[in-house]
Amino acid sequence: MEINKEKVLTHIQQAKKGNQISFNYLLDTFWGNVYAFQLKQTQNDNDAEDITIQTFSKAFDKIDSFDENYQFKTWLITISKNVYIDFLRKKKSSIYTQTTEEQEKEVYAVADDAPSPEDKIITEQNLAKLLKNIKKLKPKYQEVINLRYFQELSYKEISEQIGEPINNVKVKLLRAKKLLAEIIKKS
């Protein structure tokens, strides 16, 4: 897939302003690159996916610091390498780091009110069929979809319930919605 540099740059600029559609675009465009890189590193589908989610979480949290003179993909891979190193350290020590209050406050600044195309497809489906399709997702994606859309929890409440930073929750939901929309389109 040929990546349109101008379009990516426009979406980066929009994401820096908090545009949710641009975050979706960047996630969709670069997910495969980061995931493939991590799959080579970890040789494990779940670890690669978790690290990719954390990579986008960190990238979206720090998008204001991205220098547009560089390649976005290279920046993401660099973040991903660091997340992988942290992952290896955590695996050795099995001690999890906590996000600071300041980082938590920054996360709340990301808008989440505009329905994405995936949201529209999901809401058009009838509930029984939707539940059947949700069951096709991996358990971690089923969980965030359930907590967000059926239990109607906020990102903060989901974050507390699953014990992960809010940005990870947001990226997991973006990914879950995209996967669910693809399942719905196929069925």
C-alpha atoms as a PDB file:
ATOM      1  CA  MET A   1       0.000   0.000   0.000  1.00  0.00           C
ATOM      2  CA  GLU A   2       1.395   3.360  -1.089  1.00  0.00           C
ATOM      3  CA  ILE A   3       1.249   5.902   1.724  1.00  0.00           C
ATOM      4  CA  ASN A   4       0.338   9.439   0.655  1.00  0.00           C
ATOM      5  CA  LYS A   5       2.838  11.661   2.519  1.00  0.00           C
ATOM      6  CA  GLU A   6       0.756  14.841   2.201  1.00  0.00           C
ATOM      7  CA  LYS A   7      -2.345  13.070   3.532  1.00  0.00           C
ATOM      8  CA  VAL A   8      -0.340  11.632   6.458  1.00  0.00           C
ATOM      9  CA  LEU A   9       1.088  15.077   7.232  1.00  0.00           C
ATOM     10  CA  THR A  10      -2.407  16.622   7.174  1.00  0.00           C
ATOM     11  CA  HIS A  11      -3.696  13.941   9.550  1.00  0.00           C
ATOM     12  CA  ILE A  12      -0.701  14.421  11.878  1.00  0.00           C
ATOM     13  CA  GLN A  13      -1.455  18.149  12.018  1.00  0.00           C
ATOM     14  CA  GLN A  14      -5.144  17.421  12.686  1.00  0.00           C
ATOM     15  CA  ALA A  15      -4.266  14.813  15.346  1.00  0.00           C
ATOM     16  CA  LYS A  16      -2.121  17.433  17.081  1.00  0.00           C
ATOM     17  CA  LYS A  17      -5.358  19.461  17.365  1.00  0.00           C
ATOM     18  CA  GLY A  18      -7.155  16.449  18.887  1.00  0.00           C
ATOM     19  CA  ASN A  19      -9.053  15.297  15.778  1.00  0.00           C
ATOM     20  CA  GLN A  20     -10.265  11.734  16.477  1.00  0.00           C
ATOM     21  CA  ILE A  21     -10.727  10.858  12.785  1.00  0.00           C
ATOM     22  CA  SER A  22      -7.067  11.702  12.191  1.00  0.00           C
ATOM     23  CA  PHE A  23      -6.010   9.463  15.087  1.00  0.00           C
ATOM     24  CA  ASN A  24      -8.083   6.680  13.460  1.00  0.00           C
ATOM     25  CA  TYR A  25      -6.437   7.322  10.086  1.00  0.00           C
ATOM     26  CA  LEU A  26      -2.919   7.196  11.544  1.00  0.00           C
ATOM     27  CA  LEU A  27      -3.727   4.017  13.489  1.00  0.00           C
ATOM     28  CA  ASP A  28      -5.201   2.339  10.400  1.00  0.00           C
ATOM     29  CA  THR A  29      -2.365   3.459   8.129  1.00  0.00           C
ATOM     30  CA  PHE A  30       0.561   2.444  10.344  1.00  0.00           C
ATOM     31  CA  TRP A  31      -0.833  -0.425  12.491  1.00  0.00           C
ATOM     32  CA  GLY A  32       0.460  -3.071  10.057  1.00  0.00           C
ATOM     33  CA  ASN A  33       3.998  -1.656  10.001  1.00  0.00           C
ATOM     34  CA  VAL A  34       4.360  -1.508  13.782  1.00  0.00           C
ATOM     35  CA  TYR A  35       2.623  -4.844  14.335  1.00  0.00           C
ATOM     36  CA  ALA A  36       4.785  -6.652  11.744  1.00  0.00           C
ATOM     37  CA  PHE A  37       7.925  -5.148  13.299  1.00  0.00           C
ATOM     38  CA  GLN A  38       6.893  -6.346  16.769  1.00  0.00           C
ATOM     39  CA  LEU A  39       5.829  -9.778  15.535  1.00  0.00           C
ATOM     40  CA  LYS A  40       9.401 -10.272  14.269  1.00  0.00           C
ATOM     41  CA  GLN A  41      10.739  -9.125  17.646  1.00  0.00           C
ATOM     42  CA  THR A  42       8.439 -11.091  19.950  1.00  0.00           C
ATOM     43  CA  GLN A  43       7.462 -14.107  17.810  1.00  0.00           C
ATOM     44  CA  ASN A  44       4.146 -13.907  19.694  1.00  0.00           C
ATOM     45  CA  ASP A  45       0.850 -12.543  18.333  1.00  0.00           C
ATOM     46  CA  ASN A  46      -0.508 -11.340  21.702  1.00  0.00           C
ATOM     47  CA  ASP A  47       2.730  -9.664  22.799  1.00  0.00           C
ATOM     48  CA  ALA A  48       3.121  -8.007  19.389  1.00  0.00           C
ATOM     49  CA  GLU A  49      -0.446  -6.703  19.576  1.00  0.00           C
ATOM     50  CA  ASP A  50      -0.046  -5.429  23.154  1.00  0.00           C
ATOM     51  CA  ILE A  51       3.224  -3.668  22.304  1.00  0.00           C
ATOM     52  CA  THR A  52       1.644  -2.157  19.178  1.00  0.00           C
ATOM     53  CA  ILE A  53      -1.261  -0.835  21.262  1.00  0.00           C
ATOM     54  CA  GLN A  54       1.192   0.660  23.764  1.00  0.00           C
ATOM     55  CA  THR A  55       3.219   2.158  20.897  1.00  0.00           C
ATOM     56  CA  PHE A  56       0.212   4.005  19.485  1.00  0.00           C
ATOM     57  CA  SER A  57      -0.854   4.980  22.984  1.00  0.00           C
ATOM     58  CA  LYS A  58       2.531   6.629  23.620  1.00  0.00           C
ATOM     59  CA  ALA A  59       2.680   8.128  20.123  1.00  0.00           C
ATOM     60  CA  PHE A  60      -0.771   9.706  20.407  1.00  0.00           C
ATOM     61  CA  ASP A  61       0.079  10.966  23.886  1.00  0.00           C
ATOM     62  CA  LYS A  62       3.246  12.626  22.550  1.00  0.00           C
ATOM     63  CA  ILE A  63       2.044  13.571  19.056  1.00  0.00           C
ATOM     64  CA  ASP A  64       2.762  17.256  19.757  1.00  0.00           C
ATOM     65  CA  SER A  65       6.469  16.413  20.014  1.00  0.00           C
ATOM     66  CA  PHE A  66       6.582  14.791  16.547  1.00  0.00           C
ATOM     67  CA  ASP A  67       8.894  16.731  14.205  1.00  0.00           C
ATOM     68  CA  GLU A  68       7.249  16.810  10.765  1.00  0.00           C
ATOM     69  CA  ASN A  69      10.664  16.887   9.058  1.00  0.00           C
ATOM     70  CA  TYR A  70      10.976  13.170   9.847  1.00  0.00           C
ATOM     71  CA  GLN A  71       9.040  10.091   8.736  1.00  0.00           C
ATOM     72  CA  PHE A  72       6.074   9.263  10.986  1.00  0.00           C
ATOM     73  CA  LYS A  73       6.621   5.531  10.455  1.00  0.00           C
ATOM     74  CA  THR A  74      10.249   5.806  11.628  1.00  0.00           C
ATOM     75  CA  TRP A  75       9.119   7.739  14.703  1.00  0.00           C
ATOM     76  CA  LEU A  76       6.538   5.049  15.499  1.00  0.00           C
ATOM     77  CA  ILE A  77       9.080   2.228  15.060  1.00  0.00           C
ATOM     78  CA  THR A  78      11.492   4.051  17.392  1.00  0.00           C
ATOM     79  CA  ILE A  79       8.757   4.356  20.039  1.00  0.00           C
ATOM     80  CA  SER A  80       7.904   0.703  19.438  1.00  0.00           C
ATOM     81  CA  LYS A  81      11.543  -0.345  20.024  1.00  0.00           C
ATOM     82  CA  ASN A  82      11.500   1.490  23.352  1.00  0.00           C
ATOM     83  CA  VAL A  83       8.173  -0.082  24.337  1.00  0.00           C
ATOM     84  CA  TYR A  84       9.659  -3.502  23.464  1.00  0.00           C
ATOM     85  CA  ILE A  85      12.718  -2.819  25.665  1.00  0.00           C
ATOM     86  CA  ASP A  86      10.368  -1.802  28.502  1.00  0.00           C
ATOM     87  CA  PHE A  87       8.333  -4.948  27.846  1.00  0.00           C
ATOM     88  CA  LEU A  88      11.468  -7.097  28.206  1.00  0.00           C
ATOM     89  CA  ARG A  89      12.410  -5.311  31.430  1.00  0.00           C
ATOM     90  CA  LYS A  90       8.906  -5.789  32.819  1.00  0.00           C
ATOM     91  CA  LYS A  91       8.964  -9.419  31.819  1.00  0.00           C
ATOM     92  CA  LYS A  92      12.191  -9.863  33.785  1.00  0.00           C
ATOM     93  CA  SER A  93      11.107  -7.918  36.840  1.00  0.00           C
ATOM     94  CA  SER A  94       7.304  -8.264  36.431  1.00  0.00           C
ATOM     95  CA  ILE A  95       6.889  -4.880  38.109  1.00  0.00           C
ATOM     96  CA  TYR A  96       4.522  -2.536  36.275  1.00  0.00           C
ATOM     97  CA  THR A  97       5.144   1.204  36.128  1.00  0.00           C
ATOM     98  CA  GLN A  98       2.309   3.601  36.833  1.00  0.00           C
ATOM     99  CA  THR A  99       1.486   6.631  34.738  1.00  0.00           C
ATOM    100  CA  THR A 100       1.937   9.979  36.401  1.00  0.00           C
ATOM    101  CA  GLU A 101      -1.019  12.206  37.224  1.00  0.00           C
ATOM    102  CA  GLU A 102       0.248  14.684  34.634  1.00  0.00           C
ATOM    103  CA  GLN A 103       0.176  11.998  31.920  1.00  0.00           C
ATOM    104  CA  GLU A 104      -3.341  11.009  32.967  1.00  0.00           C
ATOM    105  CA  LYS A 105      -4.520  14.642  32.688  1.00  0.00           C
ATOM    106  CA  GLU A 106      -3.011  14.952  29.195  1.00  0.00           C
ATOM    107  CA  VAL A 107      -4.974  11.918  28.054  1.00  0.00           C
ATOM    108  CA  TYR A 108      -8.294  13.571  28.926  1.00  0.00           C
ATOM    109  CA  ALA A 109      -7.505  16.291  26.385  1.00  0.00           C
ATOM    110  CA  VAL A 110      -8.006  13.841  23.465  1.00  0.00           C
ATOM    111  CA  ALA A 111     -11.529  14.230  22.090  1.00  0.00           C
ATOM    112  CA  ASP A 112     -13.707  11.130  21.806  1.00  0.00           C
ATOM    113  CA  ASP A 113     -17.096  12.472  20.779  1.00  0.00           C
ATOM    114  CA  ALA A 114     -17.103  12.301  16.967  1.00  0.00           C
ATOM    115  CA  PRO A 115     -18.547   8.998  15.720  1.00  0.00           C
ATOM    116  CA  SER A 116     -16.165   7.293  13.315  1.00  0.00           C
ATOM    117  CA  PRO A 117     -17.299   5.322  10.234  1.00  0.00           C
ATOM    118  CA  GLU A 118     -16.789   2.176  12.321  1.00  0.00           C
ATOM    119  CA  ASP A 119     -19.157   3.559  14.993  1.00  0.00           C
ATOM    120  CA  LYS A 120     -21.850   4.147  12.346  1.00  0.00           C
ATOM    121  CA  ILE A 121     -21.527   0.603  10.947  1.00  0.00           C
ATOM    122  CA  ILE A 122     -21.646  -0.890  14.437  1.00  0.00           C
ATOM    123  CA  THR A 123     -24.790   1.025  15.467  1.00  0.00           C
ATOM    124  CA  GLU A 124     -26.616   0.029  12.270  1.00  0.00           C
ATOM    125  CA  GLN A 125     -26.425  -3.666  13.134  1.00  0.00           C
ATOM    126  CA  ASN A 126     -29.096  -5.423  15.158  1.00  0.00           C
ATOM    127  CA  LEU A 127     -28.066  -6.410  18.668  1.00  0.00           C
ATOM    128  CA  ALA A 128     -28.173 -10.216  18.306  1.00  0.00           C
ATOM    129  CA  LYS A 129     -26.021 -10.171  15.200  1.00  0.00           C
ATOM    130  CA  LEU A 130     -23.724  -7.602  16.794  1.00  0.00           C
ATOM    131  CA  LEU A 131     -23.199  -9.766  19.894  1.00  0.00           C
ATOM    132  CA  LYS A 132     -22.447 -12.771  17.668  1.00  0.00           C
ATOM    133  CA  ASN A 133     -19.866 -10.690  15.768  1.00  0.00           C
ATOM    134  CA  ILE A 134     -18.326  -9.332  18.984  1.00  0.00           C
ATOM    135  CA  LYS A 135     -17.740 -12.927  20.108  1.00  0.00           C
ATOM    136  CA  LYS A 136     -15.426 -13.332  17.066  1.00  0.00           C
ATOM    137  CA  LEU A 137     -13.029 -10.722  18.527  1.00  0.00           C
ATOM    138  CA  LYS A 138     -10.160 -11.608  20.862  1.00  0.00           C
ATOM    139  CA  PRO A 139     -11.234 -11.548  24.550  1.00  0.00           C
ATOM    140  CA  LYS A 140      -9.318  -8.324  25.315  1.00  0.00           C
ATOM    141  CA  TYR A 141     -11.223  -6.532  22.529  1.00  0.00           C
ATOM    142  CA  GLN A 142     -14.556  -8.066  23.597  1.00  0.00           C
ATOM    143  CA  GLU A 143     -13.895  -6.726  27.091  1.00  0.00           C
ATOM    144  CA  VAL A 144     -13.284  -3.080  26.087  1.00  0.00           C
ATOM    145  CA  ILE A 145     -16.251  -3.078  23.671  1.00  0.00           C
ATOM    146  CA  ASN A 146     -18.469  -4.505  26.430  1.00  0.00           C
ATOM    147  CA  LEU A 147     -17.262  -2.019  29.053  1.00  0.00           C
ATOM    148  CA  ARG A 148     -17.554   1.008  26.743  1.00  0.00           C
ATOM    149  CA  TYR A 149     -20.742   0.325  24.779  1.00  0.00           C
ATOM    150  CA  PHE A 150     -22.807  -2.030  26.919  1.00  0.00           C
ATOM    151  CA  GLN A 151     -21.808  -0.980  30.439  1.00  0.00           C
ATOM    152  CA  GLU A 152     -21.261   2.600  29.182  1.00  0.00           C
ATOM    153  CA  LEU A 153     -18.155   3.180  31.281  1.00  0.00           C
ATOM    154  CA  SER A 154     -15.911   6.191  30.685  1.00  0.00           C
ATOM    155  CA  TYR A 155     -12.334   5.715  29.488  1.00  0.00           C
ATOM    156  CA  LYS A 156     -11.194   6.462  33.040  1.00  0.00           C
ATOM    157  CA  GLU A 157     -13.501   3.797  34.516  1.00  0.00           C
ATOM    158  CA  ILE A 158     -12.390   1.227  31.915  1.00  0.00           C
ATOM    159  CA  SER A 159      -8.768   2.131  32.636  1.00  0.00           C
ATOM    160  CA  GLU A 160      -9.292   1.510  36.348  1.00  0.00           C
ATOM    161  CA  GLN A 161     -11.226  -1.712  35.774  1.00  0.00           C
ATOM    162  CA  ILE A 162      -8.651  -3.352  33.472  1.00  0.00           C
ATOM    163  CA  GLY A 163      -5.628  -1.745  35.149  1.00  0.00           C
ATOM    164  CA  GLU A 164      -4.192  -0.073  32.051  1.00  0.00           C
ATOM    165  CA  PRO A 165      -3.451   3.565  31.148  1.00  0.00           C
ATOM    166  CA  ILE A 166      -6.294   5.486  29.490  1.00  0.00           C
ATOM    167  CA  ASN A 167      -4.412   5.867  26.207  1.00  0.00           C
ATOM    168  CA  ASN A 168      -4.069   2.060  25.975  1.00  0.00           C
ATOM    169  CA  VAL A 169      -7.842   1.827  26.477  1.00  0.00           C
ATOM    170  CA  LYS A 170      -8.438   4.357  23.672  1.00  0.00           C
ATOM    171  CA  VAL A 171      -6.133   2.549  21.244  1.00  0.00           C
ATOM    172  CA  LYS A 172      -7.656  -0.844  22.141  1.00  0.00           C
ATOM    173  CA  LEU A 173     -11.125   0.574  21.468  1.00  0.00           C
ATOM    174  CA  LEU A 174     -10.020   2.073  18.137  1.00  0.00           C
ATOM    175  CA  ARG A 175      -8.561  -1.284  17.127  1.00  0.00           C
ATOM    176  CA  ALA A 176     -11.559  -3.265  18.416  1.00  0.00           C
ATOM    177  CA  LYS A 177     -13.999  -1.051  16.501  1.00  0.00           C
ATOM    178  CA  LYS A 178     -11.977  -1.409  13.299  1.00  0.00           C
ATOM    179  CA  LEU A 179     -11.787  -5.213  13.633  1.00  0.00           C
ATOM    180  CA  LEU A 180     -15.489  -5.400  14.481  1.00  0.00           C
ATOM    181  CA  ALA A 181     -16.417  -3.231  11.483  1.00  0.00           C
ATOM    182  CA  GLU A 182     -14.388  -5.587   9.221  1.00  0.00           C
ATOM    183  CA  ILE A 183     -16.177  -8.644  10.683  1.00  0.00           C
ATOM    184  CA  ILE A 184     -19.559  -6.948  10.145  1.00  0.00           C
ATOM    185  CA  LYS A 185     -18.723  -6.028   6.518  1.00  0.00           C
ATOM    186  CA  LYS A 186     -17.757  -9.664   5.791  1.00  0.00           C
ATOM    187  CA  SER A 187     -20.922 -11.139   7.345  1.00  0.00           C
END
